[in-house]
Amino acid sequence: LISSGIVLEILEELKEYAPYESSVFTLIGNIYIYKRRNMHERAMFHYGIVLYLKPTATYAATIKSRWREVFASAYEGYT
């Protein structure tokens, strides 16, 4: 298996070549959540870019759902 750091480097480089490809930003957001656990702000930033790029309705619903999960877990315990 390839480490998440290497995958993140590749995706960051790919982002330069395909700046309007929402799937690249989604994958980057997923890495920040699932592989690097405590980088919720970075994940939300990349999910925000995905929504700005106007994905299909189904894809947007999936991203919004993940965004809510990230927000809930990032601010868990704060009231």
N, C-alpha and C. Protein backbone atom coordinates (compact mmCIF):
# COMPACT_ATOMS: atom_id res chain seq x y z
N LEU A 1 0.82 -1.19 0.00
CA LEU A 1 0.00 0.00 0.00
C LEU A 1 0.87 1.25 0.00
N ILE A 2 0.37 2.28 -0.63
CA ILE A 2 1.07 3.56 -0.70
C ILE A 2 0.64 4.40 0.51
N SER A 3 1.59 5.10 1.11
CA SER A 3 1.25 5.92 2.27
C SER A 3 0.37 7.10 1.86
N SER A 4 -0.42 7.57 2.81
CA SER A 4 -1.33 8.68 2.52
C SER A 4 -0.57 9.96 2.18
N GLY A 5 0.64 10.11 2.72
CA GLY A 5 1.44 11.29 2.41
C GLY A 5 1.82 11.36 0.94
N ILE A 6 2.19 10.21 0.38
CA ILE A 6 2.56 10.15 -1.04
C ILE A 6 1.33 10.41 -1.92
N VAL A 7 0.22 9.80 -1.55
CA VAL A 7 -1.02 10.00 -2.30
C VAL A 7 -1.42 11.48 -2.27
N LEU A 8 -1.28 12.10 -1.10
CA LEU A 8 -1.63 13.51 -0.98
C LEU A 8 -0.73 14.38 -1.86
N GLU A 9 0.55 14.07 -1.91
CA GLU A 9 1.47 14.81 -2.79
C GLU A 9 1.05 14.70 -4.25
N ILE A 10 0.70 13.49 -4.66
CA ILE A 10 0.29 13.25 -6.05
C ILE A 10 -1.00 14.02 -6.36
N LEU A 11 -1.95 13.98 -5.44
CA LEU A 11 -3.21 14.70 -5.66
C LEU A 11 -3.00 16.21 -5.68
N GLU A 12 -2.11 16.71 -4.82
CA GLU A 12 -1.82 18.15 -4.83
C GLU A 12 -1.21 18.56 -6.17
N GLU A 13 -0.36 17.71 -6.72
CA GLU A 13 0.23 18.00 -8.04
C GLU A 13 -0.84 17.91 -9.13
N LEU A 14 -1.69 16.90 -9.04
CA LEU A 14 -2.76 16.73 -10.01
C LEU A 14 -3.73 17.91 -9.97
N LYS A 15 -3.91 18.48 -8.80
CA LYS A 15 -4.79 19.65 -8.64
C LYS A 15 -4.29 20.82 -9.50
N GLU A 16 -2.99 20.92 -9.68
CA GLU A 16 -2.41 21.99 -10.51
C GLU A 16 -2.74 21.77 -11.99
N TYR A 17 -2.80 20.51 -12.40
CA TYR A 17 -3.06 20.18 -13.81
C TYR A 17 -4.55 20.16 -14.13
N ALA A 18 -5.38 19.86 -13.14
CA ALA A 18 -6.82 19.78 -13.35
C ALA A 18 -7.53 20.58 -12.26
N PRO A 19 -7.43 21.92 -12.31
CA PRO A 19 -7.96 22.73 -11.20
C PRO A 19 -9.49 22.75 -11.08
N TYR A 20 -10.19 22.26 -12.10
CA TYR A 20 -11.65 22.27 -12.05
C TYR A 20 -12.23 20.87 -11.92
N GLU A 21 -11.42 19.92 -11.53
CA GLU A 21 -11.87 18.54 -11.38
C GLU A 21 -12.26 18.31 -9.92
N SER A 22 -13.55 18.25 -9.67
CA SER A 22 -14.03 18.16 -8.29
C SER A 22 -13.63 16.86 -7.60
N SER A 23 -13.47 15.78 -8.35
CA SER A 23 -13.11 14.51 -7.72
C SER A 23 -11.73 14.57 -7.07
N VAL A 24 -10.82 15.37 -7.62
CA VAL A 24 -9.49 15.52 -7.02
C VAL A 24 -9.62 16.17 -5.65
N PHE A 25 -10.44 17.22 -5.56
CA PHE A 25 -10.62 17.91 -4.28
C PHE A 25 -11.34 17.02 -3.27
N THR A 26 -12.27 16.19 -3.75
CA THR A 26 -12.96 15.26 -2.86
C THR A 26 -11.97 14.26 -2.27
N LEU A 27 -11.12 13.70 -3.11
CA LEU A 27 -10.12 12.75 -2.61
C LEU A 27 -9.18 13.39 -1.61
N ILE A 28 -8.76 14.62 -1.88
CA ILE A 28 -7.89 15.32 -0.93
C ILE A 28 -8.62 15.51 0.40
N GLY A 29 -9.88 15.92 0.35
CA GLY A 29 -10.67 16.07 1.57
C GLY A 29 -10.79 14.77 2.33
N ASN A 30 -11.00 13.67 1.61
CA ASN A 30 -11.10 12.36 2.25
C ASN A 30 -9.81 11.97 2.94
N ILE A 31 -8.69 12.26 2.33
CA ILE A 31 -7.40 11.93 2.95
C ILE A 31 -7.23 12.71 4.24
N TYR A 32 -7.58 14.00 4.21
CA TYR A 32 -7.44 14.81 5.42
C TYR A 32 -8.32 14.29 6.55
N ILE A 33 -9.48 13.71 6.22
CA ILE A 33 -10.36 13.19 7.26
C ILE A 33 -9.93 11.81 7.72
N TYR A 34 -9.83 10.89 6.79
CA TYR A 34 -9.68 9.49 7.15
C TYR A 34 -8.24 9.07 7.44
N LYS A 35 -7.29 9.71 6.81
CA LYS A 35 -5.91 9.29 7.01
C LYS A 35 -5.16 10.18 7.99
N ARG A 36 -5.54 11.42 8.06
CA ARG A 36 -4.83 12.36 8.94
C ARG A 36 -5.75 12.91 10.02
N ARG A 37 -6.74 12.21 10.35
CA ARG A 37 -7.76 12.44 11.37
C ARG A 37 -8.02 13.86 11.86
N ASN A 38 -7.04 14.61 12.27
CA ASN A 38 -7.31 15.89 12.93
C ASN A 38 -7.20 17.11 12.02
N MET A 39 -7.37 16.94 10.74
CA MET A 39 -7.25 18.06 9.81
C MET A 39 -8.62 18.40 9.22
N HIS A 40 -9.58 18.62 10.10
CA HIS A 40 -10.96 18.86 9.66
C HIS A 40 -11.09 20.16 8.88
N GLU A 41 -10.35 21.19 9.27
CA GLU A 41 -10.45 22.47 8.57
C GLU A 41 -10.02 22.33 7.11
N ARG A 42 -8.94 21.59 6.89
CA ARG A 42 -8.44 21.39 5.52
C ARG A 42 -9.46 20.58 4.71
N ALA A 43 -10.05 19.57 5.33
CA ALA A 43 -11.05 18.76 4.63
C ALA A 43 -12.24 19.62 4.23
N MET A 44 -12.72 20.44 5.16
CA MET A 44 -13.87 21.30 4.86
C MET A 44 -13.53 22.31 3.77
N PHE A 45 -12.31 22.81 3.77
CA PHE A 45 -11.88 23.74 2.73
C PHE A 45 -11.98 23.08 1.35
N HIS A 46 -11.47 21.85 1.24
CA HIS A 46 -11.49 21.16 -0.05
C HIS A 46 -12.91 20.76 -0.45
N TYR A 47 -13.75 20.37 0.51
CA TYR A 47 -15.14 20.07 0.19
C TYR A 47 -15.88 21.33 -0.27
N GLY A 48 -15.53 22.47 0.30
CA GLY A 48 -16.11 23.74 -0.13
C GLY A 48 -15.78 24.04 -1.58
N ILE A 49 -14.55 23.75 -1.97
CA ILE A 49 -14.15 23.95 -3.37
C ILE A 49 -14.97 23.04 -4.28
N VAL A 50 -15.19 21.80 -3.84
CA VAL A 50 -15.99 20.86 -4.64
C VAL A 50 -17.38 21.45 -4.88
N LEU A 51 -18.00 21.97 -3.84
CA LEU A 51 -19.34 22.53 -3.99
C LEU A 51 -19.33 23.78 -4.87
N TYR A 52 -18.26 24.55 -4.81
CA TYR A 52 -18.12 25.74 -5.66
C TYR A 52 -18.04 25.35 -7.13
N LEU A 53 -17.45 24.19 -7.42
CA LEU A 53 -17.30 23.73 -8.80
C LEU A 53 -18.60 23.19 -9.39
N LYS A 54 -19.66 23.23 -8.61
CA LYS A 54 -21.00 22.82 -9.05
C LYS A 54 -21.05 21.38 -9.58
N PRO A 55 -20.87 20.42 -8.69
CA PRO A 55 -20.98 19.02 -9.11
C PRO A 55 -22.44 18.64 -9.36
N THR A 56 -22.66 17.44 -9.81
CA THR A 56 -24.03 16.96 -10.02
C THR A 56 -24.76 16.95 -8.68
N ALA A 57 -26.08 16.91 -8.73
CA ALA A 57 -26.89 16.97 -7.51
C ALA A 57 -26.58 15.81 -6.56
N THR A 58 -26.43 14.61 -7.09
CA THR A 58 -26.13 13.45 -6.26
C THR A 58 -24.77 13.59 -5.60
N TYR A 59 -23.80 14.01 -6.36
CA TYR A 59 -22.44 14.19 -5.85
C TYR A 59 -22.41 15.30 -4.80
N ALA A 60 -23.15 16.37 -5.05
CA ALA A 60 -23.21 17.48 -4.09
C ALA A 60 -23.85 17.03 -2.78
N ALA A 61 -24.87 16.20 -2.86
CA ALA A 61 -25.51 15.69 -1.64
C ALA A 61 -24.54 14.84 -0.83
N THR A 62 -23.74 14.04 -1.50
CA THR A 62 -22.73 13.22 -0.82
C THR A 62 -21.70 14.11 -0.13
N ILE A 63 -21.23 15.13 -0.82
CA ILE A 63 -20.23 16.04 -0.25
C ILE A 63 -20.81 16.79 0.93
N LYS A 64 -22.05 17.26 0.82
CA LYS A 64 -22.67 17.98 1.93
C LYS A 64 -22.82 17.07 3.15
N SER A 65 -23.14 15.81 2.90
CA SER A 65 -23.24 14.85 4.00
C SER A 65 -21.90 14.67 4.70
N ARG A 66 -20.83 14.54 3.92
CA ARG A 66 -19.50 14.41 4.51
C ARG A 66 -19.11 15.68 5.24
N TRP A 67 -19.48 16.82 4.69
CA TRP A 67 -19.16 18.10 5.30
C TRP A 67 -19.81 18.18 6.70
N ARG A 68 -21.07 17.73 6.79
CA ARG A 68 -21.75 17.73 8.09
C ARG A 68 -21.06 16.79 9.08
N GLU A 69 -20.63 15.63 8.60
CA GLU A 69 -19.91 14.68 9.47
C GLU A 69 -18.62 15.30 9.99
N VAL A 70 -17.88 15.94 9.11
CA VAL A 70 -16.62 16.57 9.50
C VAL A 70 -16.88 17.67 10.51
N PHE A 71 -17.88 18.49 10.25
CA PHE A 71 -18.19 19.59 11.15
C PHE A 71 -18.58 19.05 12.52
N ALA A 72 -19.42 18.01 12.53
CA ALA A 72 -19.87 17.43 13.80
C ALA A 72 -18.70 16.83 14.58
N SER A 73 -17.82 16.12 13.90
CA SER A 73 -16.70 15.50 14.61
C SER A 73 -15.64 16.52 15.01
N ALA A 74 -15.49 17.59 14.23
CA ALA A 74 -14.50 18.62 14.56
C ALA A 74 -14.91 19.41 15.79
N TYR A 75 -16.20 19.60 15.96
CA TYR A 75 -16.67 20.41 17.07
C TYR A 75 -17.40 19.58 18.12
N GLU A 76 -17.10 18.30 18.17
CA GLU A 76 -17.68 17.41 19.16
C GLU A 76 -17.24 17.86 20.56
N GLY A 77 -18.17 17.99 21.44
CA GLY A 77 -17.84 18.40 22.79
C GLY A 77 -18.02 19.88 23.04
N TYR A 78 -18.11 20.67 21.96
CA TYR A 78 -18.35 22.11 22.12
C TYR A 78 -19.84 22.36 22.15
N THR A 79 -20.30 23.14 23.10
CA THR A 79 -21.73 23.46 23.15
C THR A 79 -21.93 24.93 23.36
